[in-house]
Amino acid sequence: MVEKIFGIASAFAEGQVAADAAAEGAAQGDMFAALATTFLPLILIFVVFWFMLIRPQRKKDKQVKEMLNNLKAGDRICTIGGIYGTITGLKDDTVTLSVGKDNLSMVVARWAIRSVEEVSIENDAQELN
């Protein structure tokens, strides 16, 4: 009879251990779900920032770098200060411009060029400066 009681007690104890293990597994699952719901908004914000801000800026920087590397003598450009001129010479980090009707020579940094202007000369009498 003592063995029956201990047998029942040990079976009950084994069942309790299994129930505790199942509860512990469920608690770990709940903890993972809580962490996921906590960090999911942060991850989504980062993804939105990446596609709305970081990625377009990198594309724009790449285009500007390509434009600056493809400069050549004779290109009509606009500087970041709003000066329009024609490139007469290029060095490593500087660009020599011809500016105005008197063809004044001006040296500017290569990074200071905003854009290359599309110039179409319709007749020979038209001047660029």
C-alpha atoms as a PDB file:
ATOM      1  CA  MET A   1       0.000   0.000   0.000  1.00  0.00           C
ATOM      2  CA  VAL A   2       2.881   2.297   0.699  1.00  0.00           C
ATOM      3  CA  GLU A   3       4.203   1.560  -2.788  1.00  0.00           C
ATOM      4  CA  LYS A   4       0.816   2.428  -4.243  1.00  0.00           C
ATOM      5  CA  ILE A   5       0.850   5.751  -2.462  1.00  0.00           C
ATOM      6  CA  PHE A   6       4.452   6.429  -3.466  1.00  0.00           C
ATOM      7  CA  GLY A   7       3.669   5.204  -7.002  1.00  0.00           C
ATOM      8  CA  ILE A   8       0.770   7.617  -7.258  1.00  0.00           C
ATOM      9  CA  ALA A   9       2.847  10.338  -5.690  1.00  0.00           C
ATOM     10  CA  SER A  10       5.731   9.729  -8.090  1.00  0.00           C
ATOM     11  CA  ALA A  11       3.336   9.644 -11.076  1.00  0.00           C
ATOM     12  CA  PHE A  12       1.772  12.877  -9.881  1.00  0.00           C
ATOM     13  CA  ALA A  13       5.245  14.372  -9.431  1.00  0.00           C
ATOM     14  CA  GLU A  14       6.250  13.319 -12.981  1.00  0.00           C
ATOM     15  CA  GLY A  15       3.050  14.851 -14.327  1.00  0.00           C
ATOM     16  CA  GLN A  16       3.766  18.040 -12.404  1.00  0.00           C
ATOM     17  CA  VAL A  17       7.324  18.164 -13.822  1.00  0.00           C
ATOM     18  CA  ALA A  18       5.934  17.743 -17.354  1.00  0.00           C
ATOM     19  CA  ALA A  19       3.364  20.470 -16.708  1.00  0.00           C
ATOM     20  CA  ASP A  20       6.082  22.755 -15.356  1.00  0.00           C
ATOM     21  CA  ALA A  21       8.227  22.102 -18.440  1.00  0.00           C
ATOM     22  CA  ALA A  22       5.284  22.872 -20.724  1.00  0.00           C
ATOM     23  CA  ALA A  23       4.541  26.056 -18.783  1.00  0.00           C
ATOM     24  CA  GLU A  24       8.217  27.034 -18.985  1.00  0.00           C
ATOM     25  CA  GLY A  25       8.204  26.479 -22.764  1.00  0.00           C
ATOM     26  CA  ALA A  26       5.069  28.573 -23.099  1.00  0.00           C
ATOM     27  CA  ALA A  27       6.655  31.304 -20.973  1.00  0.00           C
ATOM     28  CA  GLN A  28       9.689  31.336 -23.263  1.00  0.00           C
ATOM     29  CA  GLY A  29       7.372  31.581 -26.272  1.00  0.00           C
ATOM     30  CA  ASP A  30       5.540  34.472 -24.619  1.00  0.00           C
ATOM     31  CA  MET A  31       8.873  36.170 -23.889  1.00  0.00           C
ATOM     32  CA  PHE A  32       9.902  35.827 -27.555  1.00  0.00           C
ATOM     33  CA  ALA A  33       6.565  37.271 -28.674  1.00  0.00           C
ATOM     34  CA  ALA A  34       6.988  40.185 -26.264  1.00  0.00           C
ATOM     35  CA  LEU A  35      10.494  40.885 -27.567  1.00  0.00           C
ATOM     36  CA  ALA A  36       9.300  40.649 -31.172  1.00  0.00           C
ATOM     37  CA  THR A  37       6.460  43.110 -30.588  1.00  0.00           C
ATOM     38  CA  THR A  38       8.897  45.436 -28.810  1.00  0.00           C
ATOM     39  CA  PHE A  39      11.561  45.474 -31.511  1.00  0.00           C
ATOM     40  CA  LEU A  40       9.333  45.120 -34.583  1.00  0.00           C
ATOM     41  CA  PRO A  41       8.407  48.839 -34.681  1.00  0.00           C
ATOM     42  CA  LEU A  42      12.099  49.803 -34.390  1.00  0.00           C
ATOM     43  CA  ILE A  43      12.997  47.476 -37.234  1.00  0.00           C
ATOM     44  CA  LEU A  44      10.167  48.859 -39.385  1.00  0.00           C
ATOM     45  CA  ILE A  45      11.267  52.446 -38.686  1.00  0.00           C
ATOM     46  CA  PHE A  46      14.816  51.585 -39.774  1.00  0.00           C
ATOM     47  CA  VAL A  47      13.516  49.962 -42.984  1.00  0.00           C
ATOM     48  CA  VAL A  48      11.394  53.039 -43.772  1.00  0.00           C
ATOM     49  CA  PHE A  49      14.355  55.365 -43.148  1.00  0.00           C
ATOM     50  CA  TRP A  50      16.526  53.209 -45.380  1.00  0.00           C
ATOM     51  CA  PHE A  51      14.147  53.318 -48.340  1.00  0.00           C
ATOM     52  CA  MET A  52      12.975  56.921 -47.871  1.00  0.00           C
ATOM     53  CA  LEU A  53      16.206  58.708 -46.862  1.00  0.00           C
ATOM     54  CA  ILE A  54      19.432  56.735 -46.994  1.00  0.00           C
ATOM     55  CA  ARG A  55      19.043  54.890 -50.299  1.00  0.00           C
ATOM     56  CA  PRO A  56      17.942  57.912 -52.409  1.00  0.00           C
ATOM     57  CA  GLN A  57      20.763  60.032 -50.939  1.00  0.00           C
ATOM     58  CA  ARG A  58      23.326  57.388 -51.860  1.00  0.00           C
ATOM     59  CA  LYS A  59      21.976  57.277 -55.425  1.00  0.00           C
ATOM     60  CA  LYS A  60      22.169  61.072 -55.663  1.00  0.00           C
ATOM     61  CA  ASP A  61      25.738  61.104 -54.293  1.00  0.00           C
ATOM     62  CA  LYS A  62      26.721  58.467 -56.837  1.00  0.00           C
ATOM     63  CA  GLN A  63      25.282  60.567 -59.703  1.00  0.00           C
ATOM     64  CA  VAL A  64      27.101  63.707 -58.503  1.00  0.00           C
ATOM     65  CA  LYS A  65      30.388  61.822 -58.217  1.00  0.00           C
ATOM     66  CA  GLU A  66      29.927  60.434 -61.723  1.00  0.00           C
ATOM     67  CA  MET A  67      29.128  63.927 -63.080  1.00  0.00           C
ATOM     68  CA  LEU A  68      32.260  65.399 -61.455  1.00  0.00           C
ATOM     69  CA  ASN A  69      34.441  62.592 -62.831  1.00  0.00           C
ATOM     70  CA  ASN A  70      33.088  63.114 -66.373  1.00  0.00           C
ATOM     71  CA  LEU A  71      33.877  66.858 -66.590  1.00  0.00           C
ATOM     72  CA  LYS A  72      35.850  67.925 -69.640  1.00  0.00           C
ATOM     73  CA  ALA A  73      37.103  71.142 -71.189  1.00  0.00           C
ATOM     74  CA  GLY A  74      34.362  73.004 -73.030  1.00  0.00           C
ATOM     75  CA  ASP A  75      31.535  71.967 -70.685  1.00  0.00           C
ATOM     76  CA  ARG A  76      29.218  74.761 -69.575  1.00  0.00           C
ATOM     77  CA  ILE A  77      28.732  74.488 -65.806  1.00  0.00           C
ATOM     78  CA  CYS A  78      27.021  76.174 -62.878  1.00  0.00           C
ATOM     79  CA  THR A  79      28.773  76.415 -59.508  1.00  0.00           C
ATOM     80  CA  ILE A  80      27.085  76.133 -56.124  1.00  0.00           C
ATOM     81  CA  GLY A  81      27.470  79.915 -55.840  1.00  0.00           C
ATOM     82  CA  GLY A  82      25.443  80.434 -59.029  1.00  0.00           C
ATOM     83  CA  ILE A  83      28.354  81.359 -61.323  1.00  0.00           C
ATOM     84  CA  TYR A  84      27.981  80.119 -64.896  1.00  0.00           C
ATOM     85  CA  GLY A  85      31.115  79.473 -66.885  1.00  0.00           C
ATOM     86  CA  THR A  86      32.856  77.297 -69.417  1.00  0.00           C
ATOM     87  CA  ILE A  87      35.581  74.881 -68.348  1.00  0.00           C
ATOM     88  CA  THR A  88      38.948  75.759 -69.864  1.00  0.00           C
ATOM     89  CA  GLY A  89      41.184  73.519 -67.765  1.00  0.00           C
ATOM     90  CA  LEU A  90      41.026  70.657 -65.287  1.00  0.00           C
ATOM     91  CA  LYS A  91      43.443  69.562 -62.595  1.00  0.00           C
ATOM     92  CA  ASP A  92      43.045  67.058 -59.773  1.00  0.00           C
ATOM     93  CA  ASP A  93      40.794  69.033 -57.419  1.00  0.00           C
ATOM     94  CA  THR A  94      40.456  72.344 -59.275  1.00  0.00           C
ATOM     95  CA  VAL A  95      38.681  73.534 -62.377  1.00  0.00           C
ATOM     96  CA  THR A  96      39.591  76.635 -64.376  1.00  0.00           C
ATOM     97  CA  LEU A  97      36.575  78.496 -65.750  1.00  0.00           C
ATOM     98  CA  SER A  98      36.105  81.162 -68.354  1.00  0.00           C
ATOM     99  CA  VAL A  99      33.465  83.549 -66.996  1.00  0.00           C
ATOM    100  CA  GLY A 100      31.655  86.560 -68.469  1.00  0.00           C
ATOM    101  CA  LYS A 101      31.977  88.432 -71.749  1.00  0.00           C
ATOM    102  CA  ASP A 102      35.612  89.286 -71.052  1.00  0.00           C
ATOM    103  CA  ASN A 103      36.449  85.598 -70.522  1.00  0.00           C
ATOM    104  CA  LEU A 104      37.825  86.167 -67.044  1.00  0.00           C
ATOM    105  CA  SER A 105      39.693  83.181 -65.726  1.00  0.00           C
ATOM    106  CA  MET A 106      38.445  81.759 -62.417  1.00  0.00           C
ATOM    107  CA  VAL A 107      39.676  78.758 -60.483  1.00  0.00           C
ATOM    108  CA  VAL A 108      37.126  76.825 -58.383  1.00  0.00           C
ATOM    109  CA  ALA A 109      37.174  73.554 -56.505  1.00  0.00           C
ATOM    110  CA  ARG A 110      35.808  70.572 -58.376  1.00  0.00           C
ATOM    111  CA  TRP A 111      33.316  69.822 -55.567  1.00  0.00           C
ATOM    112  CA  ALA A 112      31.877  73.344 -55.977  1.00  0.00           C
ATOM    113  CA  ILE A 113      30.301  72.480 -59.339  1.00  0.00           C
ATOM    114  CA  ARG A 114      26.567  71.973 -59.041  1.00  0.00           C
ATOM    115  CA  SER A 115      25.641  70.911 -62.553  1.00  0.00           C
ATOM    116  CA  VAL A 116      26.690  70.655 -66.162  1.00  0.00           C
ATOM    117  CA  GLU A 117      24.381  72.741 -68.324  1.00  0.00           C
ATOM    118  CA  GLU A 118      23.015  71.452 -71.595  1.00  0.00           C
ATOM    119  CA  VAL A 119      23.966  74.111 -74.155  1.00  0.00           C
ATOM    120  CA  SER A 120      22.650  74.189 -77.673  1.00  0.00           C
ATOM    121  CA  ILE A 121      24.173  76.822 -79.932  1.00  0.00           C
ATOM    122  CA  GLU A 122      21.770  77.574 -82.765  1.00  0.00           C
ATOM    123  CA  ASN A 123      24.046  79.886 -84.709  1.00  0.00           C
ATOM    124  CA  ASP A 124      27.691  80.903 -84.678  1.00  0.00           C
ATOM    125  CA  ALA A 125      26.947  84.471 -83.580  1.00  0.00           C
ATOM    126  CA  GLN A 126      25.528  83.329 -80.236  1.00  0.00           C
ATOM    127  CA  GLU A 127      27.970  83.551 -77.339  1.00  0.00           C
ATOM    128  CA  LEU A 128      28.063  81.235 -74.367  1.00  0.00           C
ATOM    129  CA  ASN A 129      29.213  83.804 -71.789  1.00  0.00           C
END
